[in-house]
Amino acid sequence: MRNHRKNTVLAAAAIAALSLGLTACGGGDDAAGAKDAGSAGSAQSAAGTGDSAATGGGTADQAAAKSGSGSTGGSTAGGSTGSTGGGSKAGSTSGGGSKAGSTGGKSSAAAPACAYGDIKVTAAKADEVPTEHITLTATNVSGRSCTLLEYPLIAFGPIQTAKDIPAVAKSKPGAPIVLKAGMPAYANVRIALGGVHEDNKVVKEFNVNLFAPQGPAEGSIVVKAPAGGLAVDEAAAKTGYWTYELRNGADEF
């Protein structure tokens, strides 16, 4: 009986100890869980705070970007566009004015085309028998410089019906002929081929017209033929360009 009680007491003590151990273990787990939950909550709270900060930063960035775009817009509208629309364009306009000025200067410096009233034309036979060529001399009698363009437009007969006398291309000079007052220019003209069976006609006078920049000039110069007249074959006739002097080769045809 005494031993049975002793065993009962020992069993109860063991059960109590076991119960305390289990309670201690359970408390540790609960504490750890609570600690973990607290840590998680703190982490979540920190994360939330970080997100809020990031969101706030994004808002600030957006505000800064908005502020920056506003300043950019101001720069574009007020500065860049203004300078482009004003200064640059105005500069090109003034450049245009300068160009116009230089063009005007060039125009005023150039000698105008010689008109029929500016030029006196005479004819002389070449030193040959029979006469196949004549030399035209154009003298500037205007008292100012003028430009003698192209070649003489010759009509060996009535202007309305006379054959156009073609020019010889190889006699064209490299630059326009500018005649100062009293200065002469020359043109070689073939009037026939020297054959006895040619269809010649005797010409006592003939007409010479000049060129203007846009084409034949108005008015015609009446030129007297040398003494005895000229035996002209219009089918064979050709003229050279006006030149400062007759040149061997270029003016021989």
Foldseek 3Di string as FASTA:
>chain_A
DVVVVVVVVVVVVVVVVVVVVVVVVVVVVVVVVVVVVVVVVVVVVVVVVVVVVVVVVVVVVVVVVVVVVVVVVVCVVPPVVVCVVPVVVVVVVVVVVVVVVVVVVVVVPAAFADFPVQWDKEWDFDPDPPTFKIKIKIWGAPQAKHWFDWAWFKFQDPPVDGDTAAEDVLQDDPDIDIHGHGAMWMKMKTFDDNDPPAPWDFGQKIWIWTAHPVGTDPDIHIYGAPPPGDTGRRVPMHMYTIGSDDDPPSRDD
